């Protein structure tokens, strides 16, 4: 069985409430200046990313610990 999905694309449903950031698939923290952040409620539909090389990640997973 696979773990919880962590990357989301436009049209996917949010699994949890939280703040999600748009990040590049190949440049998880570096690469996008002032990434878009959106507040999502569980079940909300993610908007499209600004280009196809980007995904939405929960901000908690992106920030260094």
C-alpha atoms as a PDB file:
ATOM      1  CA  UNK A   1       0.000   0.000   0.000  1.00  0.00           C
ATOM      2  CA  UNK A   2       1.268   3.457  -0.888  1.00  0.00           C
ATOM      3  CA  UNK A   3       1.710   6.266   1.637  1.00  0.00           C
ATOM      4  CA  UNK A   4      -0.262   9.470   1.639  1.00  0.00           C
ATOM      5  CA  UNK A   5      -0.019  11.486  -1.558  1.00  0.00           C
ATOM      6  CA  UNK A   6       2.132  14.582  -1.047  1.00  0.00           C
ATOM      7  CA  UNK A   7       2.158  16.237  -4.491  1.00  0.00           C
ATOM      8  CA  UNK A   8      -1.029  17.574  -6.020  1.00  0.00           C
ATOM      9  CA  UNK A   9      -2.010  18.980  -9.396  1.00  0.00           C
ATOM     10  CA  UNK A  10      -4.854  21.210 -10.489  1.00  0.00           C
ATOM     11  CA  UNK A  11      -8.152  19.378 -10.088  1.00  0.00           C
ATOM     12  CA  UNK A  12      -6.937  17.133  -7.245  1.00  0.00           C
ATOM     13  CA  UNK A  13      -8.771  17.285  -3.920  1.00  0.00           C
ATOM     14  CA  UNK A  14      -7.012  18.500  -0.774  1.00  0.00           C
ATOM     15  CA  UNK A  15      -6.618  15.628   1.726  1.00  0.00           C
ATOM     16  CA  UNK A  16      -6.333  17.961   4.711  1.00  0.00           C
ATOM     17  CA  UNK A  17      -6.844  21.563   5.747  1.00  0.00           C
ATOM     18  CA  UNK A  18      -3.691  23.613   5.392  1.00  0.00           C
ATOM     19  CA  UNK A  19      -1.536  26.006   3.448  1.00  0.00           C
ATOM     20  CA  UNK A  20      -0.186  24.632   0.189  1.00  0.00           C
ATOM     21  CA  UNK A  21       2.678  26.070  -1.868  1.00  0.00           C
ATOM     22  CA  UNK A  22       3.289  25.841  -5.584  1.00  0.00           C
ATOM     23  CA  UNK A  23       6.730  24.313  -6.142  1.00  0.00           C
ATOM     24  CA  UNK A  24       8.712  23.092  -9.109  1.00  0.00           C
ATOM     25  CA  UNK A  25       8.906  19.340  -9.524  1.00  0.00           C
ATOM     26  CA  UNK A  26      12.662  19.495 -10.048  1.00  0.00           C
ATOM     27  CA  UNK A  27      13.450  22.347  -7.684  1.00  0.00           C
ATOM     28  CA  UNK A  28      11.646  21.629  -4.410  1.00  0.00           C
ATOM     29  CA  UNK A  29      12.612  24.783  -2.491  1.00  0.00           C
ATOM     30  CA  UNK A  30      15.023  26.509  -4.840  1.00  0.00           C
ATOM     31  CA  UNK A  31      13.905  27.938  -8.107  1.00  0.00           C
ATOM     32  CA  UNK A  32      10.610  29.740  -7.530  1.00  0.00           C
ATOM     33  CA  UNK A  33      10.770  33.154  -5.952  1.00  0.00           C
ATOM     34  CA  UNK A  34       7.697  34.098  -3.940  1.00  0.00           C
ATOM     35  CA  UNK A  35       5.854  30.845  -4.642  1.00  0.00           C
ATOM     36  CA  UNK A  36       2.072  31.028  -4.683  1.00  0.00           C
ATOM     37  CA  UNK A  37       0.471  29.896  -1.445  1.00  0.00           C
ATOM     38  CA  UNK A  38      -3.158  28.948  -1.038  1.00  0.00           C
ATOM     39  CA  UNK A  39      -5.244  28.032   1.981  1.00  0.00           C
ATOM     40  CA  UNK A  40      -7.212  24.862   1.382  1.00  0.00           C
ATOM     41  CA  UNK A  41      -9.913  23.054   3.312  1.00  0.00           C
ATOM     42  CA  UNK A  42     -10.169  19.266   3.181  1.00  0.00           C
ATOM     43  CA  UNK A  43     -11.980  18.344  -0.032  1.00  0.00           C
ATOM     44  CA  UNK A  44     -11.287  21.647  -1.840  1.00  0.00           C
ATOM     45  CA  UNK A  45     -10.103  21.361  -5.444  1.00  0.00           C
ATOM     46  CA  UNK A  46      -6.595  22.599  -6.207  1.00  0.00           C
ATOM     47  CA  UNK A  47      -6.338  25.327  -8.857  1.00  0.00           C
ATOM     48  CA  UNK A  48      -4.130  24.799 -11.890  1.00  0.00           C
ATOM     49  CA  UNK A  49      -0.436  25.524 -11.358  1.00  0.00           C
ATOM     50  CA  UNK A  50       1.243  28.261 -13.377  1.00  0.00           C
ATOM     51  CA  UNK A  51       2.998  25.686 -15.559  1.00  0.00           C
ATOM     52  CA  UNK A  52       3.073  21.922 -16.012  1.00  0.00           C
ATOM     53  CA  UNK A  53       6.392  21.485 -14.192  1.00  0.00           C
ATOM     54  CA  UNK A  54       4.869  22.574 -10.892  1.00  0.00           C
ATOM     55  CA  UNK A  55       2.839  20.865  -8.187  1.00  0.00           C
ATOM     56  CA  UNK A  56       1.170  21.850  -4.918  1.00  0.00           C
ATOM     57  CA  UNK A  57       2.804  20.668  -1.668  1.00  0.00           C
ATOM     58  CA  UNK A  58       1.637  21.142   1.899  1.00  0.00           C
ATOM     59  CA  UNK A  59       3.742  23.977   3.285  1.00  0.00           C
ATOM     60  CA  UNK A  60       4.585  21.900   6.377  1.00  0.00           C
ATOM     61  CA  UNK A  61       6.440  19.453   4.122  1.00  0.00           C
ATOM     62  CA  UNK A  62       8.379  22.191   2.320  1.00  0.00           C
ATOM     63  CA  UNK A  63       9.677  24.202   5.273  1.00  0.00           C
ATOM     64  CA  UNK A  64      12.978  23.034   6.770  1.00  0.00           C
ATOM     65  CA  UNK A  65      12.583  21.631  10.255  1.00  0.00           C
END
